[in-house]
Amino acid sequence: MITNAFFIIRFYIFATIMAKQEDLFKNVVSHAKEYGFIFPSSEIYDGLSAVYDYAQNGVELKKNIREYWWKAMVQMHDNIVGLDAAILMHPTTWKASGHVDAFNDPLIDNKDSKKRYRADVLIEDYAEKLNLKAKKEIEKARERFGDSFNEEQYKTTNPRVMEYLSKEREILERMGRSLGAGDLEDVKALIEELEIADPETGSRNWTDVKQFNLMFGTKLGASAENAMDLYLRPETAQGIFVNFLNVQKTGRMKIPFGIAQTGKAFRNEIVARQFIFRMREFEQMEMQFFVKPGEEMKWYEYWKTTRLNWHLSLGLGKENYRFHDHEKLAHYANAAADIEFNFPFGFKELEGIHSRTDFDLKAHEQYSGKKLQYFDNETNSNYVPYVVETSVGLDRMFLAVFATSLKEETLEDGSTRTVLQLPSVLAPTKAAVLPLVKKDGLPEIAQTIMEDLKWDFTVAYDEKDAVGRRYRRQDALGTPFCITVDHQTLEDETVTIRHRDTMAQDRVKISELRGIINAEVSIRNWQMKM
């Protein structure tokens, strides 16, 4: 009886944790729509599955994330340049890259619910539950032992934690081996052995696992008879590879060097889900770094560290990131790792770092009949460079920032406020200018301040409702500063500037506003502060 009660309590605790995560995620989706960040696409026609529109505030946040990445990758590196390749490419591109033959997901159908799932995601979700159980045990021990707690020692000595982590590792390694060998029967066998059920119905009545190609087909041409079959690009990397020699020669680039770009990609995801985490139309931010053969692992480790540091610079919490080394390598890679982030639904891939060897350039040489080689003046020889790739999903980055920043706070007076504590450098609006009342010349002064500041920052003007309500609205929008113009402004040209995170208010000169805001939101100052 004691044993049964123990497991019932443990199950209840785990179910409570999962329910809280689900509620948090629902709040994220609701807040994103209510405050003009993300809308369902074509909503007046009941929407389109896994397609979303970035609204007036979302497009600004997305742009700021993109710019933060671009400055770090291109502007701050002398040996990395930018590119904007076309979405439509010659169809042979995708034959050479392997996408026509190998760009597949392992899918499995439930015979009772008629729902289709990615088999690898079902297994990964099961493994993540084991990881969450281990984390729960670790947190309980941390509370029990306090400052003397040694997490690493506990992981390697506590039988229950060791069992959870060992089983998680064993499951992922087996899945990696099976997928790498194309053994889909063993993938299904693993699902059955783990008794993984349909997440919606609980049914375990599964079909066999099958591969499904993810590329969207389209046509190029004025008439159906003469149209050429094309694909919407499933990734942005190939546009870089086919332009490698053009960029290298016109830019007089020397190895090692990188080519970066951001842009849309398209995948016919059958099981697109989790809001903007997995969509059919999405945006990537990636960089291909060309290196001398034999030096790829050095640069692979360099970019793993560099990219993690970039993520950490946003201040979303070191505990929310972890590396996951791939057991199953793509056909082009000799090493691969993901930077995973702790989304409201668990740790999932945010960015991939891959050592792609010379596969892509050699494949395009073979299919095009054109040489894509680098002439090394030091050795007086030609070679095909190796490539190290960093690729982060912009939409996933948006979700990581947005979900982590959304907070519900209880204030000293017992009231609550919803605040979007976005990194100030990314906030859609940097400051809101608020006249205390809509008379006595205060709106005119507020408009003048806004007209001056908007040359340097994205600013908003708001005169509707009581000033307290306006503060709360700007908190929910993630605006770092509120500037209130009141009757004292008429006397001494000072205003009240309110800080979003602390709610502290300072009286400052109007002439000081630009410097105060800039100190908080500029990339230069943000990086120095972090």
Protein backbone atom coordinates (compact mmCIF):
# COMPACT_ATOMS: atom_id res chain seq x y z
CA MET A 1 0.00 0.00 0.00
CA ILE A 2 2.84 2.39 0.87
CA THR A 3 4.54 1.67 -2.44
CA ASN A 4 1.31 2.29 -4.39
CA ALA A 5 0.66 5.51 -2.50
CA PHE A 6 4.21 6.66 -3.19
CA PHE A 7 3.84 6.19 -6.92
CA ILE A 8 0.40 7.80 -6.93
CA ILE A 9 1.85 10.89 -5.23
CA ARG A 10 4.78 10.98 -7.68
CA PHE A 11 2.41 10.70 -10.62
CA TYR A 12 0.27 13.51 -9.22
CA ILE A 13 3.31 15.77 -8.81
CA PHE A 14 4.46 15.07 -12.36
CA ALA A 15 0.96 15.65 -13.76
CA THR A 16 0.77 18.94 -11.87
CA ILE A 17 4.07 20.10 -13.38
CA MET A 18 2.89 19.21 -16.90
CA ALA A 19 -0.44 21.00 -16.33
CA LYS A 20 1.36 24.16 -15.20
CA GLN A 21 3.56 24.05 -18.30
CA GLU A 22 0.48 23.66 -20.51
CA ASP A 23 -1.23 26.61 -18.79
CA LEU A 24 1.88 28.73 -19.26
CA PHE A 25 1.99 27.91 -22.94
CA LYS A 26 -1.70 28.79 -23.36
CA ASN A 27 -0.99 32.14 -21.70
CA VAL A 28 1.88 32.74 -24.12
CA VAL A 29 -0.32 32.08 -27.17
CA SER A 30 -3.16 34.21 -25.77
CA HIS A 31 -0.89 37.12 -24.82
CA ALA A 32 0.79 37.07 -28.24
CA LYS A 33 -2.56 37.63 -29.95
CA GLU A 34 -4.14 40.00 -27.44
CA TYR A 35 -1.20 42.42 -27.52
CA GLY A 36 -0.54 42.37 -31.25
CA PHE A 37 2.46 40.09 -31.57
CA ILE A 38 1.18 37.06 -33.53
CA PHE A 39 -2.12 36.36 -35.30
CA PRO A 40 -3.33 33.11 -36.89
CA SER A 41 -2.92 33.52 -40.64
CA SER A 42 -6.13 34.06 -42.66
CA GLU A 43 -8.10 34.01 -39.43
CA ILE A 44 -11.29 35.39 -41.00
CA TYR A 45 -11.33 32.21 -43.12
CA ASP A 46 -10.77 30.00 -40.03
CA GLY A 47 -7.00 30.13 -40.43
CA LEU A 48 -4.42 27.84 -42.00
CA SER A 49 -2.84 25.11 -39.91
CA ALA A 50 0.67 25.92 -38.63
CA VAL A 51 0.84 29.28 -40.46
CA TYR A 52 1.00 32.56 -38.53
CA ASP A 53 1.27 36.30 -39.19
CA TYR A 54 3.54 38.57 -37.18
CA ALA A 55 1.46 41.53 -36.02
CA GLN A 56 2.49 45.14 -35.41
CA ASN A 57 4.51 44.41 -32.25
CA GLY A 58 5.65 40.96 -33.31
CA VAL A 59 7.22 42.21 -36.52
CA GLU A 60 9.29 44.71 -34.52
CA LEU A 61 10.45 42.09 -32.02
CA LYS A 62 11.30 39.69 -34.83
CA LYS A 63 13.23 42.41 -36.68
CA ASN A 64 15.19 43.27 -33.54
CA ILE A 65 16.15 39.62 -32.95
CA ARG A 66 17.28 39.37 -36.56
CA GLU A 67 19.36 42.54 -36.26
CA TYR A 68 20.90 41.41 -32.96
CA TRP A 69 22.01 38.20 -34.70
CA TRP A 70 23.21 40.01 -37.84
CA LYS A 71 25.35 42.48 -35.94
CA ALA A 72 26.94 39.69 -33.89
CA MET A 73 27.61 37.44 -36.89
CA VAL A 74 28.40 39.86 -39.72
CA GLN A 75 29.06 43.37 -38.48
CA MET A 76 31.33 42.26 -35.62
CA HIS A 77 33.34 39.76 -37.71
CA ASP A 78 35.79 40.94 -40.36
CA ASN A 79 35.73 37.58 -42.13
CA ILE A 80 31.96 37.03 -42.38
CA VAL A 81 29.81 38.66 -45.07
CA GLY A 82 26.11 38.60 -45.87
CA LEU A 83 23.99 37.15 -48.66
CA ASP A 84 20.31 37.12 -49.64
CA ALA A 85 19.78 34.17 -51.99
CA ALA A 86 16.55 33.56 -53.89
CA ILE A 87 13.87 31.23 -52.53
CA LEU A 88 13.47 29.54 -55.91
CA MET A 89 16.52 27.62 -57.13
CA HIS A 90 17.29 25.29 -60.02
CA PRO A 91 15.72 21.90 -59.19
CA THR A 92 19.04 20.08 -59.57
CA THR A 93 20.21 21.98 -56.49
CA TRP A 94 18.02 19.76 -54.33
CA LYS A 95 19.13 16.59 -56.06
CA ALA A 96 22.75 17.48 -55.36
CA SER A 97 22.05 18.41 -51.73
CA GLY A 98 20.32 15.09 -51.07
CA HIS A 99 16.94 16.62 -50.29
CA VAL A 100 15.12 14.88 -53.12
CA ASP A 101 16.21 11.45 -51.89
CA ALA A 102 16.82 11.90 -48.18
CA PHE A 103 14.83 14.84 -46.78
CA ASN A 104 12.31 12.74 -44.88
CA ASP A 105 10.66 12.51 -41.48
CA PRO A 106 9.73 9.18 -39.88
CA LEU A 107 5.94 9.29 -39.45
CA ILE A 108 3.57 6.98 -37.63
CA ASP A 109 -0.24 6.93 -37.62
CA ASN A 110 -2.53 5.95 -34.81
CA LYS A 111 -5.20 3.60 -36.17
CA ASP A 112 -7.83 4.66 -33.64
CA SER A 113 -7.45 8.44 -33.55
CA LYS A 114 -6.36 8.72 -37.21
CA LYS A 115 -3.71 11.21 -36.01
CA ARG A 116 -0.23 11.31 -37.56
CA TYR A 117 2.93 11.93 -35.54
CA ARG A 118 6.66 12.09 -36.01
CA ALA A 119 7.97 8.86 -34.53
CA ASP A 120 11.23 10.45 -33.37
CA VAL A 121 9.34 13.27 -31.60
CA LEU A 122 7.15 10.78 -29.72
CA ILE A 123 10.28 9.01 -28.50
CA GLU A 124 12.09 12.25 -27.66
CA ASP A 125 9.07 13.47 -25.67
CA TYR A 126 9.08 10.21 -23.70
CA ALA A 127 12.80 10.60 -23.01
CA GLU A 128 12.28 14.22 -21.93
CA LYS A 129 9.76 13.08 -19.31
CA LEU A 130 12.51 10.92 -17.81
CA ASN A 131 14.77 13.95 -17.76
CA LEU A 132 12.07 16.00 -16.02
CA LYS A 133 11.67 13.28 -13.39
CA ALA A 134 15.42 13.36 -12.76
CA LYS A 135 15.33 17.17 -12.49
CA LYS A 136 12.47 16.93 -9.99
CA GLU A 137 14.52 14.58 -7.79
CA ILE A 138 17.53 16.91 -8.07
CA GLU A 139 15.48 19.97 -7.07
CA LYS A 140 14.02 18.14 -4.07
CA ALA A 141 17.56 17.24 -2.98
CA ARG A 142 18.73 20.82 -3.53
CA GLU A 143 15.99 22.08 -1.19
CA ARG A 144 16.89 19.40 1.37
CA PHE A 145 20.66 19.95 1.43
CA GLY A 146 20.81 23.70 0.73
CA ASP A 147 24.16 25.34 -0.02
CA SER A 148 26.09 22.11 0.54
CA PHE A 149 24.31 20.40 -2.35
CA ASN A 150 26.60 19.02 -5.10
CA GLU A 151 24.45 18.44 -8.19
CA GLU A 152 27.06 16.58 -10.24
CA GLN A 153 27.82 14.21 -7.37
CA TYR A 154 24.12 13.61 -6.78
CA LYS A 155 23.58 12.75 -10.46
CA THR A 156 26.25 10.05 -10.29
CA THR A 157 25.32 8.55 -6.90
CA ASN A 158 21.54 8.71 -6.47
CA PRO A 159 20.09 5.43 -7.82
CA ARG A 160 16.77 6.89 -8.96
CA VAL A 161 18.35 9.83 -10.80
CA MET A 162 20.96 7.56 -12.35
CA GLU A 163 18.23 5.21 -13.54
CA TYR A 164 16.18 8.01 -15.13
CA LEU A 165 19.18 9.57 -16.92
CA SER A 166 20.59 6.21 -18.00
CA LYS A 167 17.27 5.13 -19.48
CA GLU A 168 16.89 8.49 -21.26
CA ARG A 169 20.34 8.14 -22.79
CA GLU A 170 19.74 4.50 -23.76
CA ILE A 171 16.46 5.36 -25.51
CA LEU A 172 17.92 8.25 -27.51
CA GLU A 173 21.01 6.27 -28.50
CA ARG A 174 18.91 3.36 -29.73
CA MET A 175 16.64 5.68 -31.68
CA GLY A 176 19.67 7.37 -33.24
CA ARG A 177 21.17 4.06 -34.32
CA SER A 178 17.87 2.84 -35.78
CA LEU A 179 17.16 6.02 -37.72
CA GLY A 180 20.75 6.19 -38.93
CA ALA A 181 20.51 2.65 -40.26
CA GLY A 182 17.04 3.22 -41.73
CA ASP A 183 15.64 0.52 -39.44
CA LEU A 184 12.09 1.83 -39.11
CA GLU A 185 10.86 -1.50 -37.74
CA ASP A 186 13.03 -1.02 -34.67
CA VAL A 187 11.76 2.55 -34.28
CA LYS A 188 8.21 1.18 -34.07
CA ALA A 189 9.39 -1.62 -31.78
CA LEU A 190 10.90 0.98 -29.44
CA ILE A 191 7.60 2.89 -29.36
CA GLU A 192 5.76 -0.29 -28.48
CA GLU A 193 8.29 -1.38 -25.86
CA LEU A 194 8.03 1.99 -24.13
CA GLU A 195 4.24 1.76 -24.36
CA ILE A 196 4.06 5.24 -25.87
CA ALA A 197 0.45 6.23 -26.41
CA ASP A 198 -1.29 8.73 -28.67
CA PRO A 199 -0.93 12.03 -26.72
CA GLU A 200 -4.57 12.92 -27.41
CA THR A 201 -6.43 9.62 -26.93
CA GLY A 202 -4.11 7.26 -25.10
CA SER A 203 -4.38 4.64 -27.84
CA ARG A 204 -1.35 2.42 -28.54
CA ASN A 205 -2.70 1.03 -31.81
CA TRP A 206 0.07 2.17 -34.20
CA THR A 207 0.79 1.65 -37.88
CA ASP A 208 4.28 0.95 -39.20
CA VAL A 209 6.71 3.88 -39.37
CA LYS A 210 7.14 5.37 -42.85
CA GLN A 211 9.30 8.12 -44.34
CA PHE A 212 7.68 11.26 -45.75
CA ASN A 213 9.44 13.86 -47.93
CA LEU A 214 8.98 17.38 -46.60
CA MET A 215 9.56 19.58 -49.66
CA PHE A 216 6.84 21.77 -51.18
CA GLY A 217 6.60 21.44 -54.94
CA THR A 218 5.73 24.31 -57.28
CA LYS A 219 6.07 25.16 -60.98
CA LEU A 220 7.86 27.83 -63.01
CA GLY A 221 6.46 28.82 -66.38
CA ALA A 222 3.62 30.61 -68.15
CA SER A 223 1.85 27.44 -69.33
CA ALA A 224 1.26 24.07 -67.71
CA GLU A 225 2.74 22.23 -70.72
CA ASN A 226 6.11 23.97 -70.53
CA ALA A 227 6.34 24.60 -66.78
CA MET A 228 9.42 23.46 -64.88
CA ASP A 229 8.95 21.58 -61.63
CA LEU A 230 10.59 23.43 -58.74
CA TYR A 231 10.68 23.28 -54.97
CA LEU A 232 10.27 25.97 -52.36
CA ARG A 233 13.60 25.83 -50.56
CA PRO A 234 13.48 23.66 -47.43
CA GLU A 235 16.59 25.37 -46.05
CA THR A 236 18.63 28.49 -46.82
CA ALA A 237 22.08 26.85 -46.77
CA GLN A 238 22.17 25.76 -50.41
CA GLY A 239 21.90 29.36 -51.63
CA ILE A 240 25.18 29.99 -49.81
CA PHE A 241 26.93 26.94 -51.22
CA VAL A 242 26.12 27.63 -54.87
CA ASN A 243 27.37 31.21 -54.38
CA PHE A 244 30.53 30.21 -52.51
CA LEU A 245 32.94 31.00 -55.33
CA ASN A 246 31.12 34.18 -56.39
CA VAL A 247 31.40 35.60 -52.86
CA GLN A 248 34.97 34.39 -52.33
CA LYS A 249 36.30 35.93 -55.52
CA THR A 250 34.36 39.22 -55.51
CA GLY A 251 35.01 39.75 -51.81
CA ARG A 252 38.62 38.54 -52.03
CA MET A 253 37.88 36.37 -49.02
CA LYS A 254 40.58 34.22 -47.44
CA ILE A 255 39.98 30.92 -45.65
CA PRO A 256 38.61 30.80 -43.00
CA PHE A 257 35.60 32.97 -43.81
CA GLY A 258 31.85 32.84 -43.46
CA ILE A 259 28.73 33.70 -45.42
CA ALA A 260 25.60 34.56 -43.41
CA GLN A 261 22.00 35.05 -44.40
CA THR A 262 18.50 35.18 -43.02
CA GLY A 263 15.45 34.16 -44.98
CA LYS A 264 12.31 32.09 -45.40
CA ALA A 265 12.29 28.32 -45.81
CA PHE A 266 9.38 25.93 -46.29
CA ARG A 267 8.70 22.41 -45.06
CA ASN A 268 5.54 20.40 -45.49
CA GLU A 269 5.41 19.45 -41.82
CA ILE A 270 2.69 16.86 -41.29
CA VAL A 271 2.77 17.28 -37.53
CA ALA A 272 3.41 21.01 -37.26
CA ARG A 273 2.52 22.01 -33.72
CA GLN A 274 3.37 24.00 -30.61
CA PHE A 275 2.47 27.41 -31.99
CA ILE A 276 5.38 28.97 -33.92
CA PHE A 277 7.87 26.32 -32.79
CA ARG A 278 7.24 24.11 -35.82
CA MET A 279 5.67 25.78 -38.84
CA ARG A 280 5.40 25.14 -42.56
CA GLU A 281 6.76 28.59 -43.41
CA PHE A 282 9.55 29.79 -41.17
CA GLU A 283 12.69 31.91 -41.12
CA GLN A 284 16.27 30.83 -40.53
CA MET A 285 19.36 32.77 -39.47
CA GLU A 286 22.43 30.83 -40.48
CA MET A 287 26.08 31.10 -41.30
CA GLN A 288 28.30 28.73 -43.28
CA PHE A 289 31.94 28.99 -42.22
CA PHE A 290 34.47 27.72 -44.79
CA VAL A 291 37.64 26.24 -43.33
CA LYS A 292 40.73 24.30 -44.35
CA PRO A 293 40.20 20.51 -44.33
CA GLY A 294 41.48 19.07 -41.07
CA GLU A 295 40.64 22.22 -39.10
CA GLU A 296 36.87 21.73 -39.04
CA MET A 297 36.69 20.27 -35.52
CA LYS A 298 38.60 23.21 -34.06
CA TRP A 299 36.11 25.63 -35.62
CA TYR A 300 33.17 23.39 -34.72
CA GLU A 301 34.09 23.72 -31.03
CA TYR A 302 34.73 27.44 -31.46
CA TRP A 303 31.29 28.08 -32.91
CA LYS A 304 29.55 25.92 -30.30
CA THR A 305 31.02 28.14 -27.59
CA THR A 306 30.50 31.39 -29.49
CA ARG A 307 26.88 30.71 -30.32
CA LEU A 308 26.00 29.65 -26.78
CA ASN A 309 27.57 32.86 -25.48
CA TRP A 310 25.41 34.85 -27.90
CA HIS A 311 22.30 33.23 -26.49
CA LEU A 312 23.44 33.78 -22.92
CA SER A 313 24.04 37.48 -23.67
CA LEU A 314 20.26 37.97 -23.80
CA GLY A 315 19.96 37.14 -20.11
CA LEU A 316 17.25 34.48 -20.42
CA GLY A 317 18.94 32.25 -17.84
CA LYS A 318 21.88 29.87 -18.24
CA GLU A 319 19.78 27.05 -16.79
CA ASN A 320 17.47 27.24 -19.83
CA TYR A 321 20.15 26.08 -22.27
CA ARG A 322 21.91 22.80 -22.83
CA PHE A 323 23.86 21.05 -25.58
CA HIS A 324 22.57 17.87 -27.19
CA ASP A 325 25.10 15.96 -29.27
CA HIS A 326 23.55 14.05 -32.17
CA GLU A 327 23.57 10.27 -32.09
CA LYS A 328 22.18 10.15 -35.62
CA LEU A 329 24.24 12.31 -37.99
CA ALA A 330 22.88 13.74 -41.22
CA HIS A 331 24.36 12.38 -44.41
CA TYR A 332 26.58 15.45 -44.80
CA ALA A 333 27.96 15.75 -41.26
CA ASN A 334 30.84 14.34 -39.21
CA ALA A 335 29.76 16.14 -36.02
CA ALA A 336 26.56 17.85 -34.93
CA ALA A 337 25.08 19.37 -31.78
CA ASP A 338 21.95 21.28 -30.89
CA ILE A 339 21.64 24.15 -28.47
CA GLU A 340 18.40 23.20 -26.77
CA PHE A 341 16.20 25.67 -24.90
CA ASN A 342 13.73 25.06 -22.11
CA PHE A 343 10.48 26.04 -23.83
CA PRO A 344 7.17 25.84 -21.92
CA PHE A 345 6.84 22.31 -23.34
CA GLY A 346 10.35 21.17 -22.39
CA PHE A 347 13.85 21.28 -23.83
CA LYS A 348 13.79 21.43 -27.64
CA GLU A 349 16.21 22.38 -30.40
CA LEU A 350 16.81 26.09 -30.82
CA GLU A 351 20.02 26.16 -32.88
CA GLY A 352 22.10 23.57 -34.69
CA ILE A 353 25.88 23.59 -35.08
CA HIS A 354 27.09 21.13 -37.72
CA SER A 355 30.39 20.15 -39.24
CA ARG A 356 29.18 19.53 -42.81
CA THR A 357 32.58 18.36 -44.18
CA ASP A 358 33.00 19.09 -47.91
CA PHE A 359 29.83 17.24 -48.87
CA ASP A 360 27.83 20.19 -50.21
CA LEU A 361 30.50 21.84 -52.36
CA LYS A 362 31.63 18.49 -53.81
CA ALA A 363 28.04 17.48 -54.55
CA HIS A 364 27.40 20.75 -56.41
CA GLU A 365 30.67 20.29 -58.31
CA GLN A 366 29.52 16.85 -59.39
CA TYR A 367 26.02 17.86 -60.48
CA SER A 368 26.92 21.21 -62.07
CA GLY A 369 30.22 20.23 -63.69
CA LYS A 370 31.74 23.47 -62.27
CA LYS A 371 34.69 23.62 -59.88
CA LEU A 372 33.96 25.06 -56.45
CA GLN A 373 37.45 25.12 -55.03
CA TYR A 374 39.61 27.56 -53.12
CA PHE A 375 43.14 28.43 -54.28
CA ASP A 376 45.46 28.67 -51.30
CA ASN A 377 48.30 31.07 -52.04
CA GLU A 378 50.33 29.82 -49.10
CA THR A 379 50.42 26.21 -50.30
CA ASN A 380 49.97 27.03 -53.99
CA SER A 381 47.21 24.42 -54.23
CA ASN A 382 43.45 24.06 -54.74
CA TYR A 383 41.09 22.31 -52.35
CA VAL A 384 37.39 22.05 -51.57
CA PRO A 385 36.86 23.72 -48.17
CA TYR A 386 35.12 22.04 -45.26
CA VAL A 387 32.15 23.83 -43.74
CA VAL A 388 30.97 24.48 -40.19
CA GLU A 389 27.35 25.62 -40.02
CA THR A 390 25.42 27.53 -37.38
CA SER A 391 21.68 27.68 -37.97
CA VAL A 392 19.06 29.11 -35.62
CA GLY A 393 15.33 29.33 -36.23
CA LEU A 394 14.21 32.95 -35.97
CA ASP A 395 10.65 31.94 -35.10
CA ARG A 396 11.88 29.58 -32.38
CA MET A 397 14.14 32.33 -31.10
CA PHE A 398 11.12 34.62 -30.95
CA LEU A 399 9.19 32.00 -28.97
CA ALA A 400 12.09 31.42 -26.55
CA VAL A 401 12.43 35.14 -25.85
CA PHE A 402 8.69 35.81 -25.64
CA ALA A 403 7.73 32.83 -23.48
CA THR A 404 10.60 33.31 -21.01
CA SER A 405 9.90 37.04 -20.69
CA LEU A 406 6.19 36.73 -19.91
CA LYS A 407 5.71 37.04 -16.14
CA GLU A 408 2.83 37.36 -13.71
CA GLU A 409 3.95 39.34 -10.66
CA THR A 410 2.32 39.89 -7.29
CA LEU A 411 3.01 43.40 -6.02
CA GLU A 412 3.45 44.65 -2.46
CA ASP A 413 -0.16 45.82 -2.24
CA GLY A 414 -1.41 42.35 -3.20
CA SER A 415 -2.37 43.31 -6.75
CA THR A 416 -0.89 41.57 -9.77
CA ARG A 417 0.56 42.76 -13.03
CA THR A 418 1.40 41.01 -16.28
CA VAL A 419 4.80 42.11 -17.52
CA LEU A 420 6.73 41.11 -20.62
CA GLN A 421 10.33 41.47 -19.39
CA LEU A 422 11.91 41.36 -22.84
CA PRO A 423 15.62 42.07 -23.11
CA SER A 424 15.53 45.84 -23.61
CA VAL A 425 17.73 45.58 -26.67
CA LEU A 426 15.00 43.51 -28.38
CA ALA A 427 11.87 45.32 -27.15
CA PRO A 428 9.55 46.38 -30.01
CA THR A 429 8.96 49.81 -28.46
CA LYS A 430 11.74 51.36 -26.40
CA ALA A 431 9.69 54.07 -24.71
CA ALA A 432 6.10 55.27 -24.44
CA VAL A 433 5.41 58.98 -24.00
CA LEU A 434 2.34 59.71 -21.87
CA PRO A 435 0.78 63.09 -21.12
CA LEU A 436 -0.74 62.99 -17.65
CA VAL A 437 -3.93 64.62 -18.93
CA LYS A 438 -5.26 65.56 -22.36
CA LYS A 439 -5.19 69.33 -21.77
CA ASP A 440 -3.10 72.26 -20.51
CA GLY A 441 -0.56 71.84 -23.31
CA LEU A 442 0.73 68.49 -21.99
CA PRO A 443 -0.15 66.49 -25.14
CA GLU A 444 1.74 69.01 -27.29
CA ILE A 445 4.91 68.66 -25.18
CA ALA A 446 4.57 64.86 -25.22
CA GLN A 447 4.25 64.90 -29.01
CA THR A 448 7.36 67.06 -29.30
CA ILE A 449 9.34 64.64 -27.12
CA MET A 450 8.14 61.71 -29.21
CA GLU A 451 8.99 63.42 -32.50
CA ASP A 452 12.52 64.04 -31.22
CA LEU A 453 13.14 60.54 -29.81
CA LYS A 454 11.79 58.58 -32.77
CA TRP A 455 14.84 59.50 -34.88
CA ASP A 456 16.82 57.13 -32.65
CA PHE A 457 14.27 54.77 -31.10
CA THR A 458 10.92 53.18 -31.77
CA VAL A 459 8.59 55.13 -29.47
CA ALA A 460 4.84 55.21 -28.85
CA TYR A 461 2.37 57.87 -27.76
CA ASP A 462 -0.54 57.02 -25.48
CA GLU A 463 -3.05 59.41 -23.89
CA LYS A 464 -6.02 57.10 -23.31
CA ASP A 465 -7.11 55.97 -19.79
CA ALA A 466 -5.61 56.73 -16.40
CA VAL A 467 -1.83 56.78 -16.33
CA GLY A 468 -1.71 53.67 -14.11
CA ARG A 469 -3.61 51.66 -16.71
CA ARG A 470 -1.29 52.96 -19.40
CA TYR A 471 1.70 51.77 -17.36
CA ARG A 472 0.17 48.30 -17.11
CA ARG A 473 -0.47 48.16 -20.83
CA GLN A 474 3.12 49.13 -21.64
CA ASP A 475 4.35 46.51 -19.12
CA ALA A 476 2.38 43.86 -21.00
CA LEU A 477 3.86 45.08 -24.31
CA GLY A 478 7.41 44.86 -22.95
CA THR A 479 8.20 48.59 -23.24
CA PRO A 480 11.29 49.31 -21.07
CA PHE A 481 10.45 52.97 -20.32
CA CYS A 482 7.39 55.15 -19.81
CA ILE A 483 7.89 58.92 -19.95
CA THR A 484 5.15 60.94 -18.24
CA VAL A 485 4.64 64.61 -19.02
CA ASP A 486 2.87 66.45 -16.18
CA HIS A 487 2.30 70.01 -15.01
CA GLN A 488 5.76 70.26 -13.48
CA THR A 489 7.12 69.74 -17.00
CA LEU A 490 5.67 73.14 -17.89
CA GLU A 491 7.71 74.74 -15.12
CA ASP A 492 11.15 73.09 -15.31
CA GLU A 493 11.24 70.88 -18.47
CA THR A 494 11.53 67.70 -16.45
CA VAL A 495 9.52 64.47 -16.87
CA THR A 496 9.02 61.26 -14.91
CA ILE A 497 10.70 58.22 -16.46
CA ARG A 498 9.43 54.86 -15.21
CA HIS A 499 11.44 51.64 -15.50
CA ARG A 500 9.45 48.57 -16.55
CA ASP A 501 11.17 45.87 -14.48
CA THR A 502 11.53 47.72 -11.16
CA MET A 503 8.66 50.19 -11.61
CA ALA A 504 11.03 52.81 -10.15
CA GLN A 505 10.35 56.40 -11.24
CA ASP A 506 12.96 59.12 -11.67
CA ARG A 507 12.60 62.82 -12.37
CA VAL A 508 14.91 63.81 -15.22
CA LYS A 509 15.48 66.60 -17.70
CA ILE A 510 13.90 66.15 -21.13
CA SER A 511 17.38 66.68 -22.59
CA GLU A 512 18.63 63.60 -20.66
CA LEU A 513 16.08 61.15 -22.06
CA ARG A 514 18.02 60.07 -25.13
CA GLY A 515 21.11 59.16 -23.11
CA ILE A 516 19.12 57.24 -20.47
CA ILE A 517 17.26 55.17 -23.06
CA ASN A 518 20.35 54.57 -25.17
CA ALA A 519 22.31 53.30 -22.16
CA GLU A 520 19.71 50.56 -21.71
CA VAL A 521 18.71 49.55 -25.25
CA SER A 522 21.72 49.98 -27.56
CA ILE A 523 23.51 46.80 -28.56
CA ARG A 524 26.91 48.25 -27.63
CA ASN A 525 25.83 49.15 -24.11
CA TRP A 526 23.82 45.95 -23.69
CA GLN A 527 26.82 43.77 -24.55
CA MET A 528 29.09 45.72 -22.20
CA LYS A 529 26.53 45.42 -19.42
CA MET A 530 26.10 41.67 -19.89
